[in-house]
């Protein structure tokens, strides 16, 4: 089995930090500043980007998550969706297939049995609106 690349590792670390911030009731920036070792640049960019765009990301996710409120979603799923939506909207250099695959992998690995399908469905529904806004 091949080892995940550094970008996959950065996405995973960003998910950990977003989850830590939620669990501790602190901002994602505060979670970053509490790290003993400074995270890599991509992790920092993802965490700060999700934090800065959280209202827009949450509104987009809520608009496509049929039958689910943000409050009802597992915290890990919501943060995976935020990371994926951020990359779709702000990182046109990352192919859509990569964003979806990485998000689904994180959801399957760290959340519920149904999380991969849920994350894939919501992010797939967001592609057209989030990628065209950047065009």
N, C-alpha and C. Protein backbone atom coordinates (compact mmCIF):
# COMPACT_ATOMS: atom_id res chain seq x y z
N UNK A 1 0.85 -1.19 0.00
CA UNK A 1 0.00 0.00 0.00
C UNK A 1 0.88 1.24 0.00
N UNK A 2 0.54 2.21 -0.82
CA UNK A 2 1.35 3.41 -0.90
C UNK A 2 1.06 4.34 0.27
N UNK A 3 2.09 5.06 0.63
CA UNK A 3 1.98 5.99 1.74
C UNK A 3 1.31 7.27 1.25
N UNK A 4 0.40 7.84 2.06
CA UNK A 4 -0.24 9.10 1.65
C UNK A 4 0.82 10.19 1.43
N UNK A 5 0.54 11.09 0.54
CA UNK A 5 1.51 12.16 0.31
C UNK A 5 1.38 13.25 1.38
N UNK A 6 2.28 14.20 1.31
CA UNK A 6 2.32 15.28 2.30
C UNK A 6 1.03 16.09 2.33
N UNK A 7 0.41 16.28 1.16
CA UNK A 7 -0.84 17.05 1.13
C UNK A 7 -1.96 16.31 1.86
N UNK A 8 -2.00 15.00 1.71
CA UNK A 8 -2.98 14.20 2.46
C UNK A 8 -2.74 14.33 3.96
N UNK A 9 -1.46 14.28 4.34
CA UNK A 9 -1.11 14.44 5.76
C UNK A 9 -1.53 15.82 6.27
N UNK A 10 -1.34 16.85 5.45
CA UNK A 10 -1.73 18.21 5.84
C UNK A 10 -3.24 18.31 6.04
N UNK A 11 -4.00 17.69 5.15
CA UNK A 11 -5.46 17.71 5.30
C UNK A 11 -5.88 17.00 6.59
N UNK A 12 -5.23 15.90 6.89
CA UNK A 12 -5.54 15.17 8.11
C UNK A 12 -5.20 16.01 9.34
N UNK A 13 -4.06 16.66 9.33
CA UNK A 13 -3.69 17.53 10.47
C UNK A 13 -4.67 18.70 10.60
N UNK A 14 -5.09 19.26 9.48
CA UNK A 14 -6.07 20.35 9.53
C UNK A 14 -7.38 19.86 10.15
N UNK A 15 -7.80 18.65 9.79
CA UNK A 15 -9.01 18.09 10.38
C UNK A 15 -8.85 17.93 11.89
N UNK A 16 -7.70 17.41 12.32
CA UNK A 16 -7.44 17.27 13.76
C UNK A 16 -7.55 18.62 14.47
N UNK A 17 -6.96 19.65 13.87
CA UNK A 17 -6.96 20.97 14.50
C UNK A 17 -8.35 21.58 14.56
N UNK A 18 -9.12 21.42 13.49
CA UNK A 18 -10.49 21.93 13.50
C UNK A 18 -11.34 21.20 14.54
N UNK A 19 -11.12 19.90 14.64
CA UNK A 19 -11.84 19.12 15.65
C UNK A 19 -11.41 19.52 17.06
N UNK A 20 -10.12 19.71 17.25
CA UNK A 20 -9.61 20.15 18.55
C UNK A 20 -10.21 21.50 18.95
N UNK A 21 -10.27 22.42 18.01
CA UNK A 21 -10.84 23.74 18.29
C UNK A 21 -12.29 23.61 18.72
N UNK A 22 -13.05 22.80 18.01
CA UNK A 22 -14.45 22.60 18.36
C UNK A 22 -14.58 21.97 19.74
N UNK A 23 -13.80 20.94 19.98
CA UNK A 23 -13.87 20.20 21.26
C UNK A 23 -13.52 21.08 22.46
N UNK A 24 -12.57 21.99 22.26
CA UNK A 24 -12.12 22.85 23.35
C UNK A 24 -12.89 24.17 23.41
N UNK A 25 -13.75 24.41 22.42
CA UNK A 25 -14.49 25.66 22.39
C UNK A 25 -13.60 26.87 22.12
N UNK A 26 -12.56 26.68 21.32
CA UNK A 26 -11.65 27.77 20.98
C UNK A 26 -11.67 27.97 19.47
N UNK A 27 -11.06 29.04 19.01
CA UNK A 27 -11.01 29.30 17.57
C UNK A 27 -9.96 28.38 16.93
N UNK A 28 -10.14 28.10 15.65
CA UNK A 28 -9.11 27.32 14.95
C UNK A 28 -7.73 27.98 15.01
N UNK A 29 -7.68 29.31 14.95
CA UNK A 29 -6.39 30.02 15.06
C UNK A 29 -5.74 29.77 16.41
N UNK A 30 -6.55 29.75 17.46
CA UNK A 30 -6.01 29.46 18.79
C UNK A 30 -5.49 28.03 18.86
N UNK A 31 -6.20 27.10 18.24
CA UNK A 31 -5.74 25.71 18.22
C UNK A 31 -4.39 25.63 17.50
N UNK A 32 -4.23 26.38 16.42
CA UNK A 32 -2.95 26.42 15.72
C UNK A 32 -1.84 26.97 16.62
N UNK A 33 -2.14 28.05 17.32
CA UNK A 33 -1.10 28.69 18.13
C UNK A 33 -0.70 27.85 19.34
N UNK A 34 -1.54 26.91 19.74
CA UNK A 34 -1.23 26.06 20.89
C UNK A 34 -0.34 24.86 20.55
N UNK A 35 -0.05 24.68 19.26
CA UNK A 35 0.76 23.54 18.86
C UNK A 35 2.21 23.73 19.29
N UNK A 36 2.81 22.66 19.81
CA UNK A 36 4.20 22.71 20.24
C UNK A 36 5.12 22.88 19.04
N UNK A 37 4.85 22.11 17.99
CA UNK A 37 5.59 22.25 16.74
C UNK A 37 4.68 22.95 15.74
N UNK A 38 5.23 23.95 15.06
CA UNK A 38 4.40 24.67 14.09
C UNK A 38 4.01 23.74 12.94
N UNK A 39 2.72 23.69 12.62
CA UNK A 39 2.27 22.85 11.50
C UNK A 39 2.84 23.35 10.17
N UNK A 40 2.81 22.49 9.18
CA UNK A 40 3.29 22.87 7.85
C UNK A 40 2.39 23.95 7.24
N UNK A 41 2.89 24.57 6.20
CA UNK A 41 2.20 25.70 5.57
C UNK A 41 0.81 25.33 5.05
N UNK A 42 0.66 24.17 4.43
CA UNK A 42 -0.65 23.80 3.89
C UNK A 42 -1.67 23.60 5.01
N UNK A 43 -1.25 22.97 6.10
CA UNK A 43 -2.16 22.79 7.24
C UNK A 43 -2.62 24.14 7.76
N UNK A 44 -1.69 25.06 7.92
CA UNK A 44 -2.02 26.40 8.41
C UNK A 44 -2.98 27.10 7.44
N UNK A 45 -2.70 27.02 6.15
CA UNK A 45 -3.56 27.65 5.14
C UNK A 45 -4.98 27.07 5.18
N UNK A 46 -5.08 25.75 5.32
CA UNK A 46 -6.41 25.12 5.36
C UNK A 46 -7.18 25.54 6.61
N UNK A 47 -6.54 25.49 7.76
CA UNK A 47 -7.23 25.83 9.01
C UNK A 47 -7.65 27.30 9.01
N UNK A 48 -6.73 28.19 8.65
CA UNK A 48 -7.05 29.62 8.64
C UNK A 48 -8.08 29.95 7.55
N UNK A 49 -7.99 29.26 6.42
CA UNK A 49 -8.95 29.49 5.34
C UNK A 49 -10.35 29.06 5.73
N UNK A 50 -10.46 27.89 6.35
CA UNK A 50 -11.77 27.41 6.81
C UNK A 50 -12.33 28.36 7.86
N UNK A 51 -11.47 28.82 8.74
CA UNK A 51 -11.93 29.76 9.76
C UNK A 51 -12.42 31.07 9.14
N UNK A 52 -11.65 31.61 8.22
CA UNK A 52 -12.00 32.90 7.60
C UNK A 52 -13.27 32.82 6.76
N UNK A 53 -13.50 31.68 6.13
CA UNK A 53 -14.65 31.53 5.23
C UNK A 53 -15.77 30.70 5.86
N UNK A 54 -15.75 30.49 7.16
CA UNK A 54 -16.68 29.55 7.79
C UNK A 54 -18.15 29.88 7.53
N UNK A 55 -18.52 31.14 7.55
CA UNK A 55 -19.93 31.49 7.31
C UNK A 55 -20.37 31.11 5.89
N UNK A 56 -19.54 31.45 4.89
CA UNK A 56 -19.87 31.11 3.51
C UNK A 56 -19.87 29.59 3.30
N UNK A 57 -18.88 28.92 3.87
CA UNK A 57 -18.80 27.46 3.73
C UNK A 57 -20.01 26.80 4.36
N UNK A 58 -20.36 27.22 5.58
CA UNK A 58 -21.50 26.63 6.28
C UNK A 58 -22.80 26.88 5.53
N UNK A 59 -22.95 28.06 4.96
CA UNK A 59 -24.17 28.37 4.19
C UNK A 59 -24.25 27.48 2.95
N UNK A 60 -23.13 27.30 2.27
CA UNK A 60 -23.11 26.45 1.08
C UNK A 60 -23.42 25.00 1.45
N UNK A 61 -22.81 24.52 2.51
CA UNK A 61 -23.03 23.14 2.96
C UNK A 61 -24.48 22.94 3.38
N UNK A 62 -25.00 23.87 4.16
CA UNK A 62 -26.39 23.77 4.62
C UNK A 62 -27.37 23.75 3.44
N UNK A 63 -27.03 24.47 2.39
CA UNK A 63 -27.91 24.52 1.22
C UNK A 63 -27.96 23.23 0.42
N UNK A 64 -26.96 22.38 0.58
CA UNK A 64 -26.90 21.14 -0.19
C UNK A 64 -27.11 19.88 0.65
N UNK A 65 -27.07 20.01 1.97
CA UNK A 65 -27.21 18.85 2.86
C UNK A 65 -28.69 18.58 3.11
N UNK A 66 -29.32 17.94 2.17
CA UNK A 66 -30.76 17.69 2.23
C UNK A 66 -31.14 16.91 3.48
N UNK A 67 -32.04 17.48 4.27
CA UNK A 67 -32.54 16.81 5.46
C UNK A 67 -31.61 16.87 6.67
N UNK A 68 -30.51 17.59 6.55
CA UNK A 68 -29.56 17.69 7.65
C UNK A 68 -29.31 19.16 8.00
N UNK A 69 -29.34 19.48 9.27
CA UNK A 69 -28.88 20.79 9.71
C UNK A 69 -27.41 20.64 10.09
N UNK A 70 -26.70 21.74 10.11
CA UNK A 70 -25.28 21.68 10.50
C UNK A 70 -25.15 21.16 11.93
N UNK A 71 -26.06 21.57 12.81
CA UNK A 71 -25.99 21.15 14.20
C UNK A 71 -26.20 19.64 14.37
N UNK A 72 -26.90 19.03 13.43
CA UNK A 72 -27.19 17.60 13.52
C UNK A 72 -26.07 16.73 12.95
N UNK A 73 -25.19 17.33 12.17
CA UNK A 73 -24.11 16.56 11.54
C UNK A 73 -23.04 16.19 12.56
N UNK A 74 -22.45 15.01 12.41
CA UNK A 74 -21.29 14.70 13.25
C UNK A 74 -20.21 15.77 13.02
N UNK A 75 -19.56 16.18 14.08
CA UNK A 75 -18.57 17.26 14.00
C UNK A 75 -17.48 16.94 12.99
N UNK A 76 -17.03 15.70 12.97
CA UNK A 76 -16.00 15.33 12.00
C UNK A 76 -16.50 15.49 10.56
N UNK A 77 -17.72 15.06 10.30
CA UNK A 77 -18.28 15.21 8.95
C UNK A 77 -18.34 16.68 8.55
N UNK A 78 -18.82 17.50 9.45
CA UNK A 78 -18.94 18.92 9.16
C UNK A 78 -17.57 19.53 8.85
N UNK A 79 -16.57 19.17 9.63
CA UNK A 79 -15.24 19.73 9.38
C UNK A 79 -14.62 19.18 8.10
N UNK A 80 -14.87 17.93 7.76
CA UNK A 80 -14.40 17.39 6.48
C UNK A 80 -15.09 18.15 5.34
N UNK A 81 -16.40 18.39 5.49
CA UNK A 81 -17.13 19.15 4.47
C UNK A 81 -16.58 20.57 4.34
N UNK A 82 -16.27 21.20 5.45
CA UNK A 82 -15.71 22.55 5.41
C UNK A 82 -14.36 22.55 4.69
N UNK A 83 -13.51 21.59 5.00
CA UNK A 83 -12.21 21.49 4.31
C UNK A 83 -12.40 21.29 2.81
N UNK A 84 -13.27 20.36 2.45
CA UNK A 84 -13.51 20.09 1.03
C UNK A 84 -14.12 21.28 0.32
N UNK A 85 -15.10 21.92 0.95
CA UNK A 85 -15.73 23.09 0.33
C UNK A 85 -14.73 24.24 0.19
N UNK A 86 -13.87 24.40 1.18
CA UNK A 86 -12.84 25.43 1.09
C UNK A 86 -11.92 25.16 -0.09
N UNK A 87 -11.47 23.92 -0.23
CA UNK A 87 -10.58 23.61 -1.35
C UNK A 87 -11.30 23.77 -2.69
N UNK A 88 -12.56 23.40 -2.75
CA UNK A 88 -13.31 23.59 -4.00
C UNK A 88 -13.41 25.06 -4.36
N UNK A 89 -13.66 25.90 -3.37
CA UNK A 89 -13.89 27.32 -3.67
C UNK A 89 -12.61 28.14 -3.78
N UNK A 90 -11.59 27.78 -3.01
CA UNK A 90 -10.41 28.64 -2.93
C UNK A 90 -9.13 28.05 -3.52
N UNK A 91 -9.18 26.80 -3.92
CA UNK A 91 -7.98 26.14 -4.44
C UNK A 91 -8.24 25.54 -5.82
N UNK A 92 -8.44 26.37 -6.84
CA UNK A 92 -8.74 25.85 -8.17
C UNK A 92 -7.59 25.00 -8.74
N UNK A 93 -6.40 25.09 -8.13
CA UNK A 93 -5.27 24.28 -8.56
C UNK A 93 -5.41 22.81 -8.16
N UNK A 94 -6.32 22.53 -7.22
CA UNK A 94 -6.53 21.15 -6.78
C UNK A 94 -7.71 20.58 -7.58
N UNK A 95 -7.49 19.51 -8.33
CA UNK A 95 -8.57 18.94 -9.13
C UNK A 95 -9.76 18.50 -8.27
N UNK A 96 -10.95 18.66 -8.81
CA UNK A 96 -12.18 18.28 -8.10
C UNK A 96 -12.11 16.84 -7.61
N UNK A 97 -11.64 15.93 -8.47
CA UNK A 97 -11.57 14.52 -8.09
C UNK A 97 -10.68 14.31 -6.87
N UNK A 98 -9.60 15.08 -6.77
CA UNK A 98 -8.69 14.97 -5.62
C UNK A 98 -9.39 15.47 -4.36
N UNK A 99 -10.06 16.60 -4.45
CA UNK A 99 -10.78 17.16 -3.29
C UNK A 99 -11.80 16.14 -2.78
N UNK A 100 -12.60 15.60 -3.70
CA UNK A 100 -13.63 14.64 -3.30
C UNK A 100 -13.02 13.38 -2.70
N UNK A 101 -12.00 12.83 -3.35
CA UNK A 101 -11.38 11.60 -2.87
C UNK A 101 -10.76 11.79 -1.48
N UNK A 102 -10.06 12.88 -1.30
CA UNK A 102 -9.42 13.15 -0.01
C UNK A 102 -10.47 13.31 1.09
N UNK A 103 -11.53 14.04 0.81
CA UNK A 103 -12.58 14.26 1.80
C UNK A 103 -13.28 12.96 2.16
N UNK A 104 -13.61 12.17 1.17
CA UNK A 104 -14.28 10.89 1.41
C UNK A 104 -13.37 9.97 2.23
N UNK A 105 -12.10 9.96 1.91
CA UNK A 105 -11.14 9.13 2.66
C UNK A 105 -11.09 9.55 4.12
N UNK A 106 -11.02 10.85 4.38
CA UNK A 106 -11.00 11.33 5.76
C UNK A 106 -12.30 10.96 6.49
N UNK A 107 -13.42 11.14 5.82
CA UNK A 107 -14.72 10.83 6.44
C UNK A 107 -14.83 9.35 6.78
N UNK A 108 -14.43 8.50 5.85
CA UNK A 108 -14.50 7.06 6.09
C UNK A 108 -13.56 6.64 7.22
N UNK A 109 -12.41 7.26 7.26
CA UNK A 109 -11.38 6.87 8.24
C UNK A 109 -11.71 7.32 9.66
N UNK A 110 -12.30 8.51 9.80
CA UNK A 110 -12.44 9.09 11.13
C UNK A 110 -13.87 9.23 11.63
N UNK A 111 -14.87 9.01 10.79
CA UNK A 111 -16.24 9.25 11.24
C UNK A 111 -17.08 7.97 11.13
N UNK A 112 -18.35 8.13 10.86
CA UNK A 112 -19.29 7.00 10.89
C UNK A 112 -19.24 6.16 9.62
N UNK A 113 -19.90 5.03 9.63
CA UNK A 113 -19.94 4.13 8.48
C UNK A 113 -20.54 4.80 7.24
N UNK A 114 -21.48 5.70 7.44
CA UNK A 114 -22.16 6.36 6.32
C UNK A 114 -21.53 7.70 5.91
N UNK A 115 -20.51 8.12 6.62
CA UNK A 115 -19.94 9.45 6.39
C UNK A 115 -19.33 9.63 5.01
N UNK A 116 -18.68 8.62 4.48
CA UNK A 116 -18.07 8.75 3.16
C UNK A 116 -19.10 9.07 2.09
N UNK A 117 -20.22 8.36 2.10
CA UNK A 117 -21.28 8.60 1.12
C UNK A 117 -21.88 9.99 1.33
N UNK A 118 -22.11 10.35 2.58
CA UNK A 118 -22.70 11.65 2.89
C UNK A 118 -21.80 12.79 2.40
N UNK A 119 -20.52 12.73 2.76
CA UNK A 119 -19.57 13.76 2.37
C UNK A 119 -19.46 13.84 0.84
N UNK A 120 -19.38 12.69 0.18
CA UNK A 120 -19.31 12.67 -1.27
C UNK A 120 -20.54 13.32 -1.89
N UNK A 121 -21.72 13.00 -1.37
CA UNK A 121 -22.95 13.57 -1.91
C UNK A 121 -23.02 15.07 -1.77
N UNK A 122 -22.69 15.57 -0.59
CA UNK A 122 -22.77 17.02 -0.35
C UNK A 122 -21.72 17.75 -1.18
N UNK A 123 -20.48 17.28 -1.14
CA UNK A 123 -19.43 17.97 -1.90
C UNK A 123 -19.68 17.90 -3.41
N UNK A 124 -20.15 16.77 -3.89
CA UNK A 124 -20.46 16.66 -5.32
C UNK A 124 -21.53 17.68 -5.72
N UNK A 125 -22.50 17.89 -4.84
CA UNK A 125 -23.55 18.87 -5.12
C UNK A 125 -23.02 20.30 -5.08
N UNK A 126 -21.91 20.52 -4.38
CA UNK A 126 -21.33 21.86 -4.26
C UNK A 126 -20.39 22.22 -5.40
N UNK A 127 -19.91 21.24 -6.13
CA UNK A 127 -18.88 21.48 -7.14
C UNK A 127 -19.26 22.59 -8.11
N UNK A 128 -20.43 22.49 -8.71
CA UNK A 128 -20.78 23.45 -9.75
C UNK A 128 -20.86 24.88 -9.22
N UNK A 129 -21.40 25.06 -8.03
CA UNK A 129 -21.51 26.43 -7.51
C UNK A 129 -20.18 26.95 -6.97
N UNK A 130 -19.39 26.12 -6.35
CA UNK A 130 -18.13 26.61 -5.76
C UNK A 130 -17.03 26.78 -6.79
N UNK A 131 -16.98 25.94 -7.79
CA UNK A 131 -15.93 26.09 -8.81
C UNK A 131 -16.25 27.18 -9.82
N UNK A 132 -17.52 27.41 -10.14
CA UNK A 132 -17.84 28.45 -11.12
C UNK A 132 -17.66 29.84 -10.53
N UNK A 133 -17.81 29.97 -9.21
CA UNK A 133 -17.60 31.28 -8.59
C UNK A 133 -16.16 31.76 -8.78
N UNK A 134 -15.23 30.82 -8.92
CA UNK A 134 -13.81 31.18 -9.10
C UNK A 134 -13.47 31.47 -10.56
N UNK A 135 -14.33 31.07 -11.46
CA UNK A 135 -13.98 31.21 -12.90
C UNK A 135 -14.00 32.65 -13.34
